[in-house]
Amino acid sequence: ACGTPVVLSTGIDSHVNYRDGKGGAYFTNGDHRQLAGILIGIVNDEPMRRRMEDEALRKSNQFQNAYISKRFLEIIREAS
């Protein structure tokens, strides 16, 4: 996301990364009213949007190669 709040539908597997409510939101696949409510909320609530932007930036670190490699090594060492 790199600092941009993400909005995904449950029709996309990656929505599970946002179940914690940080850095983005998800809506039930096909529920356009729910999607509209989320988007309107993000646009109208600047403090919430800023918080989501900060959370999205922090969350994006989990998907960088350096972080993934470090976690992989930690898991390997724990298993050894």
PDB file of N, CA and C in Angstrom:
ATOM      1  N   ALA A   1       0.823  -1.196   0.000  1.00  0.00           N
ATOM      2  CA  ALA A   1       0.000   0.000   0.000  1.00  0.00           C
ATOM      3  C   ALA A   1       0.864   1.255   0.000  1.00  0.00           C
ATOM      4  N   CYS A   2       2.007   1.201   0.626  1.00  0.00           N
ATOM      5  CA  CYS A   2       2.945   2.324   0.642  1.00  0.00           C
ATOM      6  C   CYS A   2       2.326   3.621   1.133  1.00  0.00           C
ATOM      7  N   GLY A   3       1.475   3.550   2.116  1.00  0.00           N
ATOM      8  CA  GLY A   3       0.904   4.751   2.708  1.00  0.00           C
ATOM      9  C   GLY A   3      -0.467   5.125   2.191  1.00  0.00           C
ATOM     10  N   THR A   4      -0.999   4.381   1.270  1.00  0.00           N
ATOM     11  CA  THR A   4      -2.339   4.648   0.759  1.00  0.00           C
ATOM     12  C   THR A   4      -3.300   3.635   1.369  1.00  0.00           C
ATOM     13  N   PRO A   5      -4.354   4.079   2.054  1.00  0.00           N
ATOM     14  CA  PRO A   5      -5.314   3.115   2.597  1.00  0.00           C
ATOM     15  C   PRO A   5      -5.864   2.212   1.487  1.00  0.00           C
ATOM     16  N   VAL A   6      -5.987   0.953   1.786  1.00  0.00           N
ATOM     17  CA  VAL A   6      -6.435  -0.040   0.820  1.00  0.00           C
ATOM     18  C   VAL A   6      -7.883  -0.402   1.111  1.00  0.00           C
ATOM     19  N   VAL A   7      -8.675  -0.553   0.055  1.00  0.00           N
ATOM     20  CA  VAL A   7     -10.053  -1.029   0.197  1.00  0.00           C
ATOM     21  C   VAL A   7     -10.194  -2.225  -0.736  1.00  0.00           C
ATOM     22  N   LEU A   8     -10.474  -3.385  -0.148  1.00  0.00           N
ATOM     23  CA  LEU A   8     -10.569  -4.634  -0.904  1.00  0.00           C
ATOM     24  C   LEU A   8     -11.904  -5.315  -0.643  1.00  0.00           C
ATOM     25  N   SER A   9     -12.290  -6.161  -1.577  1.00  0.00           N
ATOM     26  CA  SER A   9     -13.497  -6.949  -1.347  1.00  0.00           C
ATOM     27  C   SER A   9     -13.100  -8.313  -0.793  1.00  0.00           C
ATOM     28  N   THR A  10     -14.042  -8.976  -0.172  1.00  0.00           N
ATOM     29  CA  THR A  10     -13.792 -10.321   0.338  1.00  0.00           C
ATOM     30  C   THR A  10     -13.599 -11.317  -0.804  1.00  0.00           C
ATOM     31  N   GLY A  11     -13.838 -10.878  -2.030  1.00  0.00           N
ATOM     32  CA  GLY A  11     -13.610 -11.729  -3.193  1.00  0.00           C
ATOM     33  C   GLY A  11     -12.138 -11.860  -3.536  1.00  0.00           C
ATOM     34  N   ILE A  12     -11.289 -11.086  -2.859  1.00  0.00           N
ATOM     35  CA  ILE A  12      -9.841 -11.130  -3.078  1.00  0.00           C
ATOM     36  C   ILE A  12      -9.204 -11.666  -1.801  1.00  0.00           C
ATOM     37  N   ASP A  13      -8.415 -12.713  -1.926  1.00  0.00           N
ATOM     38  CA  ASP A  13      -7.831 -13.361  -0.742  1.00  0.00           C
ATOM     39  C   ASP A  13      -7.022 -12.421   0.137  1.00  0.00           C
ATOM     40  N   SER A  14      -6.406 -11.399  -0.445  1.00  0.00           N
ATOM     41  CA  SER A  14      -5.537 -10.531   0.349  1.00  0.00           C
ATOM     42  C   SER A  14      -6.304  -9.652   1.331  1.00  0.00           C
ATOM     43  N   HIS A  15      -7.635  -9.679   1.306  1.00  0.00           N
ATOM     44  CA  HIS A  15      -8.393  -8.892   2.288  1.00  0.00           C
ATOM     45  C   HIS A  15      -8.094  -9.351   3.711  1.00  0.00           C
ATOM     46  N   VAL A  16      -7.613 -10.585   3.871  1.00  0.00           N
ATOM     47  CA  VAL A  16      -7.305 -11.087   5.206  1.00  0.00           C
ATOM     48  C   VAL A  16      -6.203 -10.272   5.884  1.00  0.00           C
ATOM     49  N   ASN A  17      -5.379  -9.595   5.096  1.00  0.00           N
ATOM     50  CA  ASN A  17      -4.318  -8.762   5.665  1.00  0.00           C
ATOM     51  C   ASN A  17      -4.871  -7.521   6.356  1.00  0.00           C
ATOM     52  N   TYR A  18      -6.153  -7.233   6.168  1.00  0.00           N
ATOM     53  CA  TYR A  18      -6.752  -6.021   6.733  1.00  0.00           C
ATOM     54  C   TYR A  18      -7.868  -6.324   7.728  1.00  0.00           C
ATOM     55  N   ARG A  19      -7.975  -7.562   8.159  1.00  0.00           N
ATOM     56  CA  ARG A  19      -8.980  -7.908   9.171  1.00  0.00           C
ATOM     57  C   ARG A  19      -8.732  -7.204  10.490  1.00  0.00           C
ATOM     58  N   ASP A  20      -7.478  -6.795  10.715  1.00  0.00           N
ATOM     59  CA  ASP A  20      -7.160  -6.088  11.950  1.00  0.00           C
ATOM     60  C   ASP A  20      -7.621  -4.637  11.922  1.00  0.00           C
ATOM     61  N   GLY A  21      -8.153  -4.178  10.775  1.00  0.00           N
ATOM     62  CA  GLY A  21      -8.664  -2.815  10.675  1.00  0.00           C
ATOM     63  C   GLY A  21      -7.584  -1.757  10.534  1.00  0.00           C
ATOM     64  N   LYS A  22      -6.349  -2.181  10.304  1.00  0.00           N
ATOM     65  CA  LYS A  22      -5.251  -1.226  10.201  1.00  0.00           C
ATOM     66  C   LYS A  22      -4.786  -1.094   8.764  1.00  0.00           C
ATOM     67  N   GLY A  23      -4.725   0.153   8.287  1.00  0.00           N
ATOM     68  CA  GLY A  23      -4.178   0.429   6.968  1.00  0.00           C
ATOM     69  C   GLY A  23      -5.129   0.224   5.820  1.00  0.00           C
ATOM     70  N   GLY A  24      -6.324  -0.193   6.114  1.00  0.00           N
ATOM     71  CA  GLY A  24      -7.285  -0.401   5.048  1.00  0.00           C
ATOM     72  C   GLY A  24      -8.575  -0.995   5.570  1.00  0.00           C
ATOM     73  N   ALA A  25      -9.436  -1.288   4.646  1.00  0.00           N
ATOM     74  CA  ALA A  25     -10.744  -1.834   4.995  1.00  0.00           C
ATOM     75  C   ALA A  25     -11.153  -2.819   3.906  1.00  0.00           C
ATOM     76  N   TYR A  26     -12.094  -3.650   4.235  1.00  0.00           N
ATOM     77  CA  TYR A  26     -12.625  -4.569   3.229  1.00  0.00           C
ATOM     78  C   TYR A  26     -14.137  -4.596   3.334  1.00  0.00           C
ATOM     79  N   PHE A  27     -14.759  -4.931   2.221  1.00  0.00           N
ATOM     80  CA  PHE A  27     -16.215  -5.009   2.161  1.00  0.00           C
ATOM     81  C   PHE A  27     -16.617  -6.354   1.584  1.00  0.00           C
ATOM     82  N   THR A  28     -17.826  -6.751   1.895  1.00  0.00           N
ATOM     83  CA  THR A  28     -18.344  -8.016   1.388  1.00  0.00           C
ATOM     84  C   THR A  28     -18.475  -7.929  -0.124  1.00  0.00           C
ATOM     85  N   ASN A  29     -17.924  -8.910  -0.799  1.00  0.00           N
ATOM     86  CA  ASN A  29     -17.941  -8.927  -2.258  1.00  0.00           C
ATOM     87  C   ASN A  29     -19.355  -8.687  -2.792  1.00  0.00           C
ATOM     88  N   GLY A  30     -19.494  -7.686  -3.643  1.00  0.00           N
ATOM     89  CA  GLY A  30     -20.779  -7.368  -4.256  1.00  0.00           C
ATOM     90  C   GLY A  30     -21.636  -6.397  -3.466  1.00  0.00           C
ATOM     91  N   ASP A  31     -21.233  -6.037  -2.256  1.00  0.00           N
ATOM     92  CA  ASP A  31     -22.016  -5.117  -1.430  1.00  0.00           C
ATOM     93  C   ASP A  31     -21.576  -3.683  -1.711  1.00  0.00           C
ATOM     94  N   HIS A  32     -22.176  -3.092  -2.738  1.00  0.00           N
ATOM     95  CA  HIS A  32     -21.779  -1.753  -3.189  1.00  0.00           C
ATOM     96  C   HIS A  32     -22.122  -0.674  -2.173  1.00  0.00           C
ATOM     97  N   ARG A  33     -23.152  -0.881  -1.409  1.00  0.00           N
ATOM     98  CA  ARG A  33     -23.505   0.100  -0.362  1.00  0.00           C
ATOM     99  C   ARG A  33     -22.433   0.130   0.729  1.00  0.00           C
ATOM    100  N   GLN A  34     -21.973  -1.039   1.102  1.00  0.00           N
ATOM    101  CA  GLN A  34     -20.911  -1.109   2.102  1.00  0.00           C
ATOM    102  C   GLN A  34     -19.634  -0.454   1.565  1.00  0.00           C
ATOM    103  N   LEU A  35     -19.301  -0.724   0.317  1.00  0.00           N
ATOM    104  CA  LEU A  35     -18.145  -0.104  -0.325  1.00  0.00           C
ATOM    105  C   LEU A  35     -18.279   1.417  -0.328  1.00  0.00           C
ATOM    106  N   ALA A  36     -19.454   1.906  -0.723  1.00  0.00           N
ATOM    107  CA  ALA A  36     -19.685   3.349  -0.746  1.00  0.00           C
ATOM    108  C   ALA A  36     -19.515   3.956   0.642  1.00  0.00           C
ATOM    109  N   GLY A  37     -20.031   3.291   1.659  1.00  0.00           N
ATOM    110  CA  GLY A  37     -19.899   3.788   3.028  1.00  0.00           C
ATOM    111  C   GLY A  37     -18.446   3.883   3.467  1.00  0.00           C
ATOM    112  N   ILE A  38     -17.655   2.884   3.113  1.00  0.00           N
ATOM    113  CA  ILE A  38     -16.235   2.902   3.459  1.00  0.00           C
ATOM    114  C   ILE A  38     -15.532   4.061   2.759  1.00  0.00           C
ATOM    115  N   LEU A  39     -15.776   4.208   1.468  1.00  0.00           N
ATOM    116  CA  LEU A  39     -15.116   5.272   0.706  1.00  0.00           C
ATOM    117  C   LEU A  39     -15.523   6.656   1.195  1.00  0.00           C
ATOM    118  N   ILE A  40     -16.794   6.838   1.460  1.00  0.00           N
ATOM    119  CA  ILE A  40     -17.268   8.131   1.969  1.00  0.00           C
ATOM    120  C   ILE A  40     -16.637   8.420   3.333  1.00  0.00           C
ATOM    121  N   GLY A  41     -16.547   7.395   4.171  1.00  0.00           N
ATOM    122  CA  GLY A  41     -15.920   7.567   5.475  1.00  0.00           C
ATOM    123  C   GLY A  41     -14.468   7.988   5.359  1.00  0.00           C
ATOM    124  N   ILE A  42     -13.725   7.366   4.454  1.00  0.00           N
ATOM    125  CA  ILE A  42     -12.317   7.710   4.262  1.00  0.00           C
ATOM    126  C   ILE A  42     -12.174   9.142   3.751  1.00  0.00           C
ATOM    127  N   VAL A  43     -13.023   9.530   2.822  1.00  0.00           N
ATOM    128  CA  VAL A  43     -12.947  10.878   2.255  1.00  0.00           C
ATOM    129  C   VAL A  43     -13.347  11.937   3.272  1.00  0.00           C
ATOM    130  N   ASN A  44     -14.379  11.684   4.042  1.00  0.00           N
ATOM    131  CA  ASN A  44     -14.923  12.700   4.950  1.00  0.00           C
ATOM    132  C   ASN A  44     -14.214  12.799   6.299  1.00  0.00           C
ATOM    133  N   ASP A  45     -13.540  11.773   6.719  1.00  0.00           N
ATOM    134  CA  ASP A  45     -12.932  11.758   8.055  1.00  0.00           C
ATOM    135  C   ASP A  45     -11.412  11.844   7.926  1.00  0.00           C
ATOM    136  N   GLU A  46     -10.907  13.078   7.894  1.00  0.00           N
ATOM    137  CA  GLU A  46      -9.469  13.276   7.680  1.00  0.00           C
ATOM    138  C   GLU A  46      -8.603  12.632   8.761  1.00  0.00           C
ATOM    139  N   PRO A  47      -8.934  12.758  10.060  1.00  0.00           N
ATOM    140  CA  PRO A  47      -8.102  12.076  11.065  1.00  0.00           C
ATOM    141  C   PRO A  47      -8.051  10.555  10.856  1.00  0.00           C
ATOM    142  N   MET A  48      -9.191   9.958  10.507  1.00  0.00           N
ATOM    143  CA  MET A  48      -9.213   8.526  10.244  1.00  0.00           C
ATOM    144  C   MET A  48      -8.348   8.208   9.028  1.00  0.00           C
ATOM    145  N   ARG A  49      -8.453   9.022   7.987  1.00  0.00           N
ATOM    146  CA  ARG A  49      -7.677   8.797   6.768  1.00  0.00           C
ATOM    147  C   ARG A  49      -6.181   8.900   7.065  1.00  0.00           C
ATOM    148  N   ARG A  50      -5.772   9.887   7.834  1.00  0.00           N
ATOM    149  CA  ARG A  50      -4.348  10.049   8.196  1.00  0.00           C
ATOM    150  C   ARG A  50      -3.861   8.838   9.009  1.00  0.00           C
ATOM    151  N   ARG A  51      -4.693   8.371   9.939  1.00  0.00           N
ATOM    152  CA  ARG A  51      -4.342   7.195  10.728  1.00  0.00           C
ATOM    153  C   ARG A  51      -4.187   5.972   9.825  1.00  0.00           C
ATOM    154  N   MET A  52      -5.131   5.810   8.894  1.00  0.00           N
ATOM    155  CA  MET A  52      -5.073   4.676   7.971  1.00  0.00           C
ATOM    156  C   MET A  52      -3.834   4.765   7.081  1.00  0.00           C
ATOM    157  N   GLU A  53      -3.468   5.976   6.665  1.00  0.00           N
ATOM    158  CA  GLU A  53      -2.273   6.156   5.843  1.00  0.00           C
ATOM    159  C   GLU A  53      -1.031   5.722   6.617  1.00  0.00           C
ATOM    160  N   ASP A  54      -0.920   6.151   7.874  1.00  0.00           N
ATOM    161  CA  ASP A  54       0.223   5.763   8.705  1.00  0.00           C
ATOM    162  C   ASP A  54       0.263   4.249   8.911  1.00  0.00           C
ATOM    163  N   GLU A  55      -0.896   3.655   9.180  1.00  0.00           N
ATOM    164  CA  GLU A  55      -0.976   2.212   9.387  1.00  0.00           C
ATOM    165  C   GLU A  55      -0.629   1.455   8.112  1.00  0.00           C
ATOM    166  N   ALA A  56      -1.093   1.973   6.962  1.00  0.00           N
ATOM    167  CA  ALA A  56      -0.808   1.323   5.676  1.00  0.00           C
ATOM    168  C   ALA A  56       0.693   1.342   5.390  1.00  0.00           C
ATOM    169  N   LEU A  57       1.337   2.446   5.721  1.00  0.00           N
ATOM    170  CA  LEU A  57       2.775   2.546   5.509  1.00  0.00           C
ATOM    171  C   LEU A  57       3.516   1.536   6.389  1.00  0.00           C
ATOM    172  N   ARG A  58       3.128   1.441   7.655  1.00  0.00           N
ATOM    173  CA  ARG A  58       3.753   0.459   8.549  1.00  0.00           C
ATOM    174  C   ARG A  58       3.491  -0.970   8.059  1.00  0.00           C
ATOM    175  N   LYS A  59       2.267  -1.221   7.637  1.00  0.00           N
ATOM    176  CA  LYS A  59       1.903  -2.566   7.175  1.00  0.00           C
ATOM    177  C   LYS A  59       2.662  -2.934   5.900  1.00  0.00           C
ATOM    178  N   SER A  60       2.935  -1.968   5.042  1.00  0.00           N
ATOM    179  CA  SER A  60       3.626  -2.263   3.781  1.00  0.00           C
ATOM    180  C   SER A  60       5.014  -2.827   4.025  1.00  0.00           C
ATOM    181  N   ASN A  61       5.608  -2.516   5.171  1.00  0.00           N
ATOM    182  CA  ASN A  61       6.929  -3.059   5.497  1.00  0.00           C
ATOM    183  C   ASN A  61       6.915  -4.576   5.568  1.00  0.00           C
ATOM    184  N   GLN A  62       5.777  -5.162   5.930  1.00  0.00           N
ATOM    185  CA  GLN A  62       5.657  -6.619   6.031  1.00  0.00           C
ATOM    186  C   GLN A  62       5.800  -7.313   4.682  1.00  0.00           C
ATOM    187  N   PHE A  63       5.665  -6.564   3.595  1.00  0.00           N
ATOM    188  CA  PHE A  63       5.692  -7.154   2.263  1.00  0.00           C
ATOM    189  C   PHE A  63       6.993  -6.855   1.515  1.00  0.00           C
ATOM    190  N   GLN A  64       7.940  -6.212   2.193  1.00  0.00           N
ATOM    191  CA  GLN A  64       9.224  -5.921   1.560  1.00  0.00           C
ATOM    192  C   GLN A  64      10.142  -7.123   1.696  1.00  0.00           C
ATOM    193  N   ASN A  65      10.990  -7.325   0.691  1.00  0.00           N
ATOM    194  CA  ASN A  65      11.869  -8.496   0.671  1.00  0.00           C
ATOM    195  C   ASN A  65      12.754  -8.583   1.911  1.00  0.00           C
ATOM    196  N   ALA A  66      13.283  -7.457   2.382  1.00  0.00           N
ATOM    197  CA  ALA A  66      14.170  -7.481   3.547  1.00  0.00           C
ATOM    198  C   ALA A  66      13.437  -8.022   4.773  1.00  0.00           C
ATOM    199  N   TYR A  67      12.196  -7.586   4.982  1.00  0.00           N
ATOM    200  CA  TYR A  67      11.415  -8.062   6.130  1.00  0.00           C
ATOM    201  C   TYR A  67      11.092  -9.546   5.985  1.00  0.00           C
ATOM    202  N   ILE A  68      10.647  -9.940   4.805  1.00  0.00           N
ATOM    203  CA  ILE A  68      10.272 -11.329   4.566  1.00  0.00           C
ATOM    204  C   ILE A  68      11.486 -12.241   4.743  1.00  0.00           C
ATOM    205  N   SER A  69      12.636 -11.828   4.221  1.00  0.00           N
ATOM    206  CA  SER A  69      13.855 -12.627   4.353  1.00  0.00           C
ATOM    207  C   SER A  69      14.255 -12.775   5.817  1.00  0.00           C
ATOM    208  N   LYS A  70      14.188 -11.674   6.560  1.00  0.00           N
ATOM    209  CA  LYS A  70      14.540 -11.719   7.987  1.00  0.00           C
ATOM    210  C   LYS A  70      13.608 -12.667   8.735  1.00  0.00           C
ATOM    211  N   ARG A  71      12.303 -12.566   8.488  1.00  0.00           N
ATOM    212  CA  ARG A  71      11.341 -13.462   9.155  1.00  0.00           C
ATOM    213  C   ARG A  71      11.588 -14.917   8.768  1.00  0.00           C
ATOM    214  N   PHE A  72      11.906 -15.151   7.492  1.00  0.00           N
ATOM    215  CA  PHE A  72      12.183 -16.507   7.030  1.00  0.00           C
ATOM    216  C   PHE A  72      13.368 -17.093   7.792  1.00  0.00           C
ATOM    217  N   LEU A  73      14.448 -16.319   7.928  1.00  0.00           N
ATOM    218  CA  LEU A  73      15.616 -16.783   8.673  1.00  0.00           C
ATOM    219  C   LEU A  73      15.278 -17.051  10.139  1.00  0.00           C
ATOM    220  N   GLU A  74      14.479 -16.190  10.738  1.00  0.00           N
ATOM    221  CA  GLU A  74      14.065 -16.393  12.134  1.00  0.00           C
ATOM    222  C   GLU A  74      13.304 -17.703  12.291  1.00  0.00           C
ATOM    223  N   ILE A  75      12.417 -17.968  11.372  1.00  0.00           N
ATOM    224  CA  ILE A  75      11.619 -19.202  11.424  1.00  0.00           C
ATOM    225  C   ILE A  75      12.510 -20.437  11.243  1.00  0.00           C
ATOM    226  N   ILE A  76      13.441 -20.360  10.310  1.00  0.00           N
ATOM    227  CA  ILE A  76      14.368 -21.471  10.089  1.00  0.00           C
ATOM    228  C   ILE A  76      15.199 -21.734  11.345  1.00  0.00           C
ATOM    229  N   ARG A  77      15.697 -20.656  11.959  1.00  0.00           N
ATOM    230  CA  ARG A  77      16.513 -20.814  13.168  1.00  0.00           C
ATOM    231  C   ARG A  77      15.698 -21.396  14.324  1.00  0.00           C
ATOM    232  N   GLU A  78      14.446 -20.957  14.442  1.00  0.00           N
ATOM    233  CA  GLU A  78      13.588 -21.485  15.504  1.00  0.00           C
ATOM    234  C   GLU A  78      13.307 -22.976  15.302  1.00  0.00           C
ATOM    235  N   ALA A  79      13.203 -23.391  14.057  1.00  0.00           N
ATOM    236  CA  ALA A  79      12.906 -24.788  13.747  1.00  0.00           C
ATOM    237  C   ALA A  79      14.134 -25.684  13.888  1.00  0.00           C
ATOM    238  N   SER A  80      15.320 -25.093  13.874  1.00  0.00           N
ATOM    239  CA  SER A  80      16.566 -25.887  13.942  1.00  0.00           C
ATOM    240  C   SER A  80      16.885 -26.308  15.346  1.00  0.00           C
TER     241      SER A  80
END
